[in-house]
């Protein structure tokens, strides 16, 4: 496994291990209900941003995709070797 493949695998493992954006949003909503300080409100506003939710879904979708697809490092490096 080369450096690019190893880096991609680390990223995929991190995406799989972290809570989803929806889980973060729900946890922050509960926190804001109990203790709404300005920092917590700012975090909640970011968590409910549709773009944040969309990016999280896209990253999780990519992690679940077949290796070598969707611009994965493996396919990019293989294409360069062919040239």
N, C-alpha and C. Protein backbone atom coordinates (compact mmCIF):
# COMPACT_ATOMS: atom_id res chain seq x y z
N UNK A 1 0.87 -1.17 0.00
CA UNK A 1 0.00 0.00 0.00
C UNK A 1 0.91 1.24 0.00
N UNK A 2 0.70 2.12 -0.97
CA UNK A 2 1.54 3.32 -1.02
C UNK A 2 0.97 4.40 -0.10
N UNK A 3 1.66 5.52 -0.04
CA UNK A 3 1.29 6.60 0.89
C UNK A 3 -0.11 7.16 0.61
N UNK A 4 -0.46 7.32 -0.66
CA UNK A 4 -1.77 7.85 -1.02
C UNK A 4 -2.88 6.89 -0.60
N UNK A 5 -2.68 5.61 -0.83
CA UNK A 5 -3.68 4.62 -0.43
C UNK A 5 -3.83 4.59 1.10
N UNK A 6 -2.70 4.65 1.81
CA UNK A 6 -2.73 4.64 3.28
C UNK A 6 -3.45 5.87 3.81
N UNK A 7 -3.18 7.02 3.21
CA UNK A 7 -3.84 8.26 3.62
C UNK A 7 -5.35 8.17 3.38
N UNK A 8 -5.73 7.64 2.24
CA UNK A 8 -7.15 7.46 1.93
C UNK A 8 -7.83 6.53 2.92
N UNK A 9 -7.14 5.46 3.30
CA UNK A 9 -7.71 4.51 4.25
C UNK A 9 -7.88 5.15 5.63
N UNK A 10 -6.91 5.95 6.05
CA UNK A 10 -7.00 6.66 7.34
C UNK A 10 -8.23 7.57 7.32
N UNK A 11 -8.41 8.33 6.22
CA UNK A 11 -9.55 9.23 6.11
C UNK A 11 -10.87 8.46 6.18
N UNK A 12 -10.95 7.36 5.45
CA UNK A 12 -12.18 6.55 5.46
C UNK A 12 -12.47 6.01 6.86
N UNK A 13 -11.44 5.56 7.56
CA UNK A 13 -11.62 5.06 8.92
C UNK A 13 -12.12 6.16 9.86
N UNK A 14 -11.58 7.37 9.69
CA UNK A 14 -12.02 8.50 10.52
C UNK A 14 -13.47 8.87 10.24
N UNK A 15 -13.87 8.86 8.98
CA UNK A 15 -15.26 9.19 8.63
C UNK A 15 -16.19 8.15 9.23
N UNK A 16 -15.82 6.88 9.14
CA UNK A 16 -16.67 5.82 9.70
C UNK A 16 -16.79 5.93 11.22
N UNK A 17 -15.72 6.35 11.89
CA UNK A 17 -15.68 6.37 13.36
C UNK A 17 -16.42 7.56 13.97
N UNK A 18 -16.51 8.66 13.24
CA UNK A 18 -17.12 9.85 13.84
C UNK A 18 -18.65 9.77 13.80
N UNK A 19 -19.29 10.49 14.72
CA UNK A 19 -20.76 10.52 14.69
C UNK A 19 -21.24 11.22 13.41
N UNK A 20 -22.45 10.91 12.99
CA UNK A 20 -23.00 11.57 11.81
C UNK A 20 -23.33 13.03 12.15
N UNK A 21 -23.48 13.84 11.13
CA UNK A 21 -23.86 15.24 11.33
C UNK A 21 -25.23 15.32 12.00
N UNK A 22 -26.12 14.39 11.67
CA UNK A 22 -27.44 14.38 12.30
C UNK A 22 -27.34 14.07 13.79
N UNK A 23 -26.43 13.16 14.16
CA UNK A 23 -26.23 12.84 15.58
C UNK A 23 -25.66 14.06 16.31
N UNK A 24 -24.71 14.74 15.71
CA UNK A 24 -24.15 15.96 16.30
C UNK A 24 -25.24 17.02 16.48
N UNK A 25 -26.05 17.19 15.44
CA UNK A 25 -27.14 18.17 15.49
C UNK A 25 -28.10 17.87 16.63
N UNK A 26 -28.49 16.61 16.77
CA UNK A 26 -29.44 16.23 17.82
C UNK A 26 -28.84 16.42 19.21
N UNK A 27 -27.58 16.05 19.38
CA UNK A 27 -26.92 16.22 20.68
C UNK A 27 -26.80 17.70 21.04
N UNK A 28 -26.44 18.51 20.06
CA UNK A 28 -26.33 19.96 20.32
C UNK A 28 -27.69 20.57 20.60
N UNK A 29 -28.72 20.09 19.96
CA UNK A 29 -30.08 20.59 20.22
C UNK A 29 -30.46 20.33 21.67
N UNK A 30 -30.15 19.13 22.16
CA UNK A 30 -30.45 18.82 23.57
C UNK A 30 -29.64 19.71 24.50
N UNK A 31 -28.39 19.95 24.17
CA UNK A 31 -27.52 20.79 24.99
C UNK A 31 -28.02 22.23 25.01
N UNK A 32 -28.43 22.75 23.86
CA UNK A 32 -28.93 24.13 23.79
C UNK A 32 -30.22 24.28 24.59
N UNK A 33 -31.05 23.24 24.59
CA UNK A 33 -32.29 23.30 25.38
C UNK A 33 -31.99 23.46 26.86
N UNK A 34 -30.92 22.83 27.34
CA UNK A 34 -30.58 22.85 28.76
C UNK A 34 -29.77 24.09 29.12
N UNK A 35 -28.77 24.39 28.32
CA UNK A 35 -27.82 25.47 28.65
C UNK A 35 -27.41 26.18 27.38
N UNK A 36 -28.12 27.20 27.00
CA UNK A 36 -27.90 27.86 25.71
C UNK A 36 -26.92 29.02 25.82
N UNK A 37 -25.63 28.70 25.90
CA UNK A 37 -24.68 29.81 25.84
C UNK A 37 -24.35 30.10 24.37
N UNK A 38 -23.70 31.20 24.11
CA UNK A 38 -23.50 31.65 22.73
C UNK A 38 -22.67 30.68 21.90
N UNK A 39 -21.67 30.05 22.50
CA UNK A 39 -20.83 29.11 21.76
C UNK A 39 -21.63 27.88 21.35
N UNK A 40 -22.45 27.36 22.26
CA UNK A 40 -23.27 26.19 21.94
C UNK A 40 -24.28 26.51 20.84
N UNK A 41 -24.84 27.71 20.90
CA UNK A 41 -25.79 28.12 19.85
C UNK A 41 -25.08 28.21 18.51
N UNK A 42 -23.87 28.75 18.50
CA UNK A 42 -23.10 28.84 17.26
C UNK A 42 -22.80 27.45 16.69
N UNK A 43 -22.43 26.51 17.56
CA UNK A 43 -22.18 25.14 17.10
C UNK A 43 -23.46 24.51 16.54
N UNK A 44 -24.57 24.74 17.21
CA UNK A 44 -25.85 24.19 16.74
C UNK A 44 -26.22 24.78 15.38
N UNK A 45 -26.05 26.08 15.21
CA UNK A 45 -26.37 26.71 13.92
C UNK A 45 -25.52 26.12 12.80
N UNK A 46 -24.28 25.81 13.09
CA UNK A 46 -23.43 25.18 12.08
C UNK A 46 -23.91 23.76 11.81
N UNK A 47 -24.30 23.04 12.85
CA UNK A 47 -24.73 21.65 12.70
C UNK A 47 -26.02 21.51 11.90
N UNK A 48 -26.88 22.53 11.92
CA UNK A 48 -28.13 22.43 11.16
C UNK A 48 -28.01 23.02 9.76
N UNK A 49 -26.85 23.52 9.41
CA UNK A 49 -26.61 24.07 8.07
C UNK A 49 -26.78 22.94 7.05
N UNK A 50 -27.67 23.11 6.08
CA UNK A 50 -27.89 22.06 5.08
C UNK A 50 -26.62 21.64 4.34
N UNK A 51 -25.70 22.57 4.15
CA UNK A 51 -24.46 22.24 3.45
C UNK A 51 -23.60 21.29 4.29
N UNK A 52 -23.55 21.52 5.60
CA UNK A 52 -22.80 20.63 6.49
C UNK A 52 -23.38 19.22 6.43
N UNK A 53 -24.70 19.13 6.49
CA UNK A 53 -25.37 17.83 6.43
C UNK A 53 -25.10 17.16 5.08
N UNK A 54 -25.16 17.92 4.01
CA UNK A 54 -24.92 17.39 2.67
C UNK A 54 -23.48 16.88 2.52
N UNK A 55 -22.52 17.63 3.00
CA UNK A 55 -21.11 17.21 2.92
C UNK A 55 -20.89 15.93 3.71
N UNK A 56 -21.47 15.86 4.90
CA UNK A 56 -21.32 14.66 5.72
C UNK A 56 -21.90 13.45 5.00
N UNK A 57 -23.08 13.60 4.43
CA UNK A 57 -23.70 12.49 3.69
C UNK A 57 -22.84 12.08 2.49
N UNK A 58 -22.30 13.06 1.79
CA UNK A 58 -21.46 12.77 0.62
C UNK A 58 -20.19 12.02 1.03
N UNK A 59 -19.57 12.46 2.12
CA UNK A 59 -18.36 11.78 2.59
C UNK A 59 -18.68 10.34 2.98
N UNK A 60 -19.79 10.14 3.69
CA UNK A 60 -20.16 8.79 4.10
C UNK A 60 -20.52 7.93 2.89
N UNK A 61 -21.12 8.52 1.89
CA UNK A 61 -21.44 7.80 0.67
C UNK A 61 -20.16 7.38 -0.04
N UNK A 62 -19.20 8.27 -0.09
CA UNK A 62 -17.92 7.97 -0.74
C UNK A 62 -17.17 6.86 0.00
N UNK A 63 -17.21 6.89 1.32
CA UNK A 63 -16.54 5.87 2.12
C UNK A 63 -17.13 4.50 1.82
N UNK A 64 -18.43 4.46 1.58
CA UNK A 64 -19.09 3.20 1.30
C UNK A 64 -18.96 2.75 -0.14
N UNK A 65 -18.35 3.58 -0.99
CA UNK A 65 -18.24 3.23 -2.41
C UNK A 65 -17.14 2.20 -2.63
N UNK A 66 -17.15 1.61 -3.81
CA UNK A 66 -16.17 0.61 -4.18
C UNK A 66 -14.79 1.25 -4.30
N UNK A 67 -13.74 0.63 -3.72
CA UNK A 67 -12.39 1.18 -3.86
C UNK A 67 -12.04 1.36 -5.33
N UNK A 68 -11.36 2.46 -5.62
CA UNK A 68 -10.99 2.74 -6.99
C UNK A 68 -12.01 3.56 -7.74
N UNK A 69 -13.15 3.85 -7.12
CA UNK A 69 -14.21 4.63 -7.76
C UNK A 69 -14.28 6.01 -7.13
N UNK A 70 -15.05 6.90 -7.72
CA UNK A 70 -15.33 8.23 -7.18
C UNK A 70 -14.06 9.03 -6.93
N UNK A 71 -13.08 8.93 -7.80
CA UNK A 71 -11.88 9.74 -7.63
C UNK A 71 -10.96 9.22 -6.53
N UNK A 72 -11.09 7.96 -6.17
CA UNK A 72 -10.25 7.37 -5.14
C UNK A 72 -8.79 7.44 -5.59
N UNK A 73 -7.88 7.52 -4.64
CA UNK A 73 -6.47 7.65 -4.94
C UNK A 73 -5.96 6.51 -5.82
N UNK A 74 -6.49 5.32 -5.61
CA UNK A 74 -6.03 4.16 -6.36
C UNK A 74 -6.26 4.34 -7.86
N UNK A 75 -7.43 4.81 -8.25
CA UNK A 75 -7.73 4.98 -9.67
C UNK A 75 -6.92 6.11 -10.28
N UNK A 76 -6.66 7.14 -9.50
CA UNK A 76 -5.87 8.28 -10.00
C UNK A 76 -4.43 7.82 -10.25
N UNK A 77 -3.83 7.09 -9.30
CA UNK A 77 -2.45 6.65 -9.47
C UNK A 77 -2.34 5.63 -10.60
N UNK A 78 -3.36 4.78 -10.77
CA UNK A 78 -3.34 3.80 -11.86
C UNK A 78 -3.41 4.50 -13.20
N UNK A 79 -4.18 5.54 -13.31
CA UNK A 79 -4.30 6.28 -14.56
C UNK A 79 -2.98 6.95 -14.93
N UNK A 80 -2.26 7.43 -13.93
CA UNK A 80 -0.98 8.08 -14.20
C UNK A 80 0.05 7.06 -14.70
N UNK A 81 -0.01 5.80 -14.18
CA UNK A 81 0.93 4.78 -14.61
C UNK A 81 0.70 4.40 -16.07
N UNK A 82 -0.53 4.48 -16.56
CA UNK A 82 -0.87 4.10 -17.91
C UNK A 82 -0.31 5.10 -18.91
N UNK A 83 -0.26 6.37 -18.52
CA UNK A 83 0.18 7.43 -19.44
C UNK A 83 1.58 7.27 -19.89
